[in-house]
Amino acid sequence: MKKIKVLFVFTMLCSILGYNIFLPPHVNASSNYVISGKITDSNLKPINGAKIVFEMDGGRNGIQSIITDYKGDYKVNVPANNKTYWITIGKEGRRTYRGKIQIANDGSYIYNFVLNK
């Protein structure tokens, strides 16, 4: 549990300072999609600490993951050279969600998800 808190604090600090620790160093920040949203339960209460994994379609490459904050919010940059991503969302005590998302153009996208028990 302490490791998760340290990772969360480190992630938030990097976010505030403008560093993205989830992008490989060779990815140009101008060629990214920004995907954000909220993870909630069926009563629309935020889920803190849900793990979200993004994978490029066509294989287990380009994997990036993020943990939701106390408000259930997440934000991640993914490379713009792919239009389809698999997303997996999990949290202990809840059903895991897995599905595809489609990206149409460069820009920001909001995807909200509900995790059931």
Protein backbone atom coordinates (compact mmCIF):
# COMPACT_ATOMS: atom_id res chain seq x y z
CA MET A 1 0.00 0.00 0.00
CA LYS A 2 2.86 2.37 0.78
CA LYS A 3 4.37 1.77 -2.68
CA ILE A 4 1.07 2.77 -4.31
CA LYS A 5 0.93 5.99 -2.28
CA VAL A 6 4.52 6.84 -3.20
CA LEU A 7 3.80 6.11 -6.90
CA PHE A 8 0.65 8.24 -6.71
CA VAL A 9 2.50 11.19 -5.13
CA PHE A 10 5.34 10.85 -7.66
CA THR A 11 2.85 10.71 -10.55
CA MET A 12 0.97 13.76 -9.30
CA LEU A 13 4.22 15.71 -8.80
CA CYS A 14 5.36 14.87 -12.34
CA SER A 15 1.95 15.93 -13.65
CA ILE A 16 2.13 19.27 -11.84
CA LEU A 17 5.65 19.91 -13.11
CA GLY A 18 4.65 18.99 -16.68
CA TYR A 19 6.65 15.77 -16.96
CA ASN A 20 5.01 12.72 -18.49
CA ILE A 21 6.58 9.60 -17.03
CA PHE A 22 4.31 7.34 -19.08
CA LEU A 23 5.67 8.23 -22.52
CA PRO A 24 8.75 6.61 -23.98
CA PRO A 25 11.49 9.22 -24.41
CA HIS A 26 11.44 8.99 -28.22
CA VAL A 27 7.78 10.04 -28.54
CA ASN A 28 7.26 13.63 -29.61
CA ALA A 29 4.72 15.34 -27.34
CA SER A 30 3.14 17.12 -30.31
CA SER A 31 2.17 13.81 -31.90
CA ASN A 32 0.03 12.52 -29.05
CA TYR A 33 -3.58 12.04 -28.19
CA VAL A 34 -4.66 13.12 -24.73
CA ILE A 35 -7.14 10.66 -23.26
CA SER A 36 -8.79 11.48 -19.96
CA GLY A 37 -11.89 10.64 -18.02
CA LYS A 38 -13.37 9.37 -14.79
CA ILE A 39 -13.80 5.87 -13.37
CA THR A 40 -16.84 5.47 -11.10
CA ASP A 41 -18.95 2.75 -9.53
CA SER A 42 -22.59 2.15 -10.52
CA ASN A 43 -23.66 4.92 -8.09
CA LEU A 44 -21.29 7.34 -9.89
CA LYS A 45 -18.94 7.51 -6.90
CA PRO A 46 -15.29 7.92 -7.97
CA ILE A 47 -13.00 4.90 -7.76
CA ASN A 48 -9.57 5.78 -6.37
CA GLY A 49 -6.63 3.61 -7.39
CA ALA A 50 -8.14 1.88 -10.43
CA LYS A 51 -5.44 0.78 -12.87
CA ILE A 52 -5.99 1.67 -16.52
CA VAL A 53 -3.83 0.06 -19.21
CA PHE A 54 -3.73 1.28 -22.82
CA GLU A 55 -2.36 -1.01 -25.55
CA MET A 56 -1.97 -0.25 -29.23
CA ASP A 57 -4.20 -2.47 -31.35
CA GLY A 58 -2.37 -5.32 -33.05
CA GLY A 59 -0.15 -6.55 -30.27
CA ARG A 60 1.19 -5.99 -26.81
CA ASN A 61 3.29 -2.98 -27.73
CA GLY A 62 2.94 0.64 -26.82
CA ILE A 63 1.59 -0.29 -23.42
CA GLN A 64 0.99 2.57 -21.01
CA SER A 65 -0.74 2.51 -17.66
CA ILE A 66 -2.04 5.02 -15.15
CA ILE A 67 -3.74 4.93 -11.75
CA THR A 68 -6.85 7.01 -11.03
CA ASP A 69 -6.63 9.72 -8.40
CA TYR A 70 -8.93 10.15 -5.40
CA LYS A 71 -11.56 11.75 -7.65
CA GLY A 72 -11.48 8.75 -10.02
CA ASP A 73 -9.86 10.91 -12.70
CA TYR A 74 -7.12 9.86 -15.10
CA LYS A 75 -5.20 11.49 -17.93
CA VAL A 76 -2.70 9.87 -20.27
CA ASN A 77 -0.91 10.74 -23.52
CA VAL A 78 -0.79 8.01 -26.15
CA PRO A 79 1.09 8.08 -29.47
CA ALA A 80 -0.89 9.48 -32.40
CA ASN A 81 0.45 6.92 -34.84
CA ASN A 82 -2.32 4.51 -33.87
CA LYS A 83 -6.09 4.99 -34.17
CA THR A 84 -7.29 2.04 -32.09
CA TYR A 85 -6.41 1.22 -28.49
CA TRP A 86 -7.39 -1.60 -26.17
CA ILE A 87 -8.19 -0.36 -22.70
CA THR A 88 -8.24 -2.53 -19.58
CA ILE A 89 -9.48 -1.15 -16.27
CA GLY A 90 -9.17 -3.06 -13.01
CA LYS A 91 -9.57 -2.58 -9.29
CA GLU A 92 -9.59 -5.23 -6.58
CA GLY A 93 -13.15 -6.20 -5.65
CA ARG A 94 -14.58 -5.05 -9.00
CA ARG A 95 -15.13 -6.60 -12.42
CA THR A 96 -12.39 -5.86 -14.91
CA TYR A 97 -13.40 -3.90 -17.99
CA ARG A 98 -11.73 -4.55 -21.37
CA GLY A 99 -12.69 -2.94 -24.65
CA LYS A 100 -11.53 -0.94 -27.65
CA ILE A 101 -11.60 2.78 -28.17
CA GLN A 102 -11.34 4.46 -31.56
CA ILE A 103 -9.55 7.75 -32.13
CA ALA A 104 -10.75 9.83 -35.09
CA ASN A 105 -8.42 12.87 -35.18
CA ASP A 106 -5.58 14.45 -33.23
CA GLY A 107 -6.76 16.05 -30.04
CA SER A 108 -8.20 15.31 -26.64
CA TYR A 109 -10.69 12.57 -25.85
CA ILE A 110 -12.79 11.93 -22.77
CA TYR A 111 -13.78 8.38 -21.88
CA ASN A 112 -15.68 7.72 -18.65
CA PHE A 113 -16.17 4.16 -17.38
CA VAL A 114 -18.23 2.41 -14.70
CA LEU A 115 -16.72 -0.55 -12.83
CA ASN A 116 -19.29 -2.87 -11.27
CA LYS A 117 -18.78 -5.16 -8.31
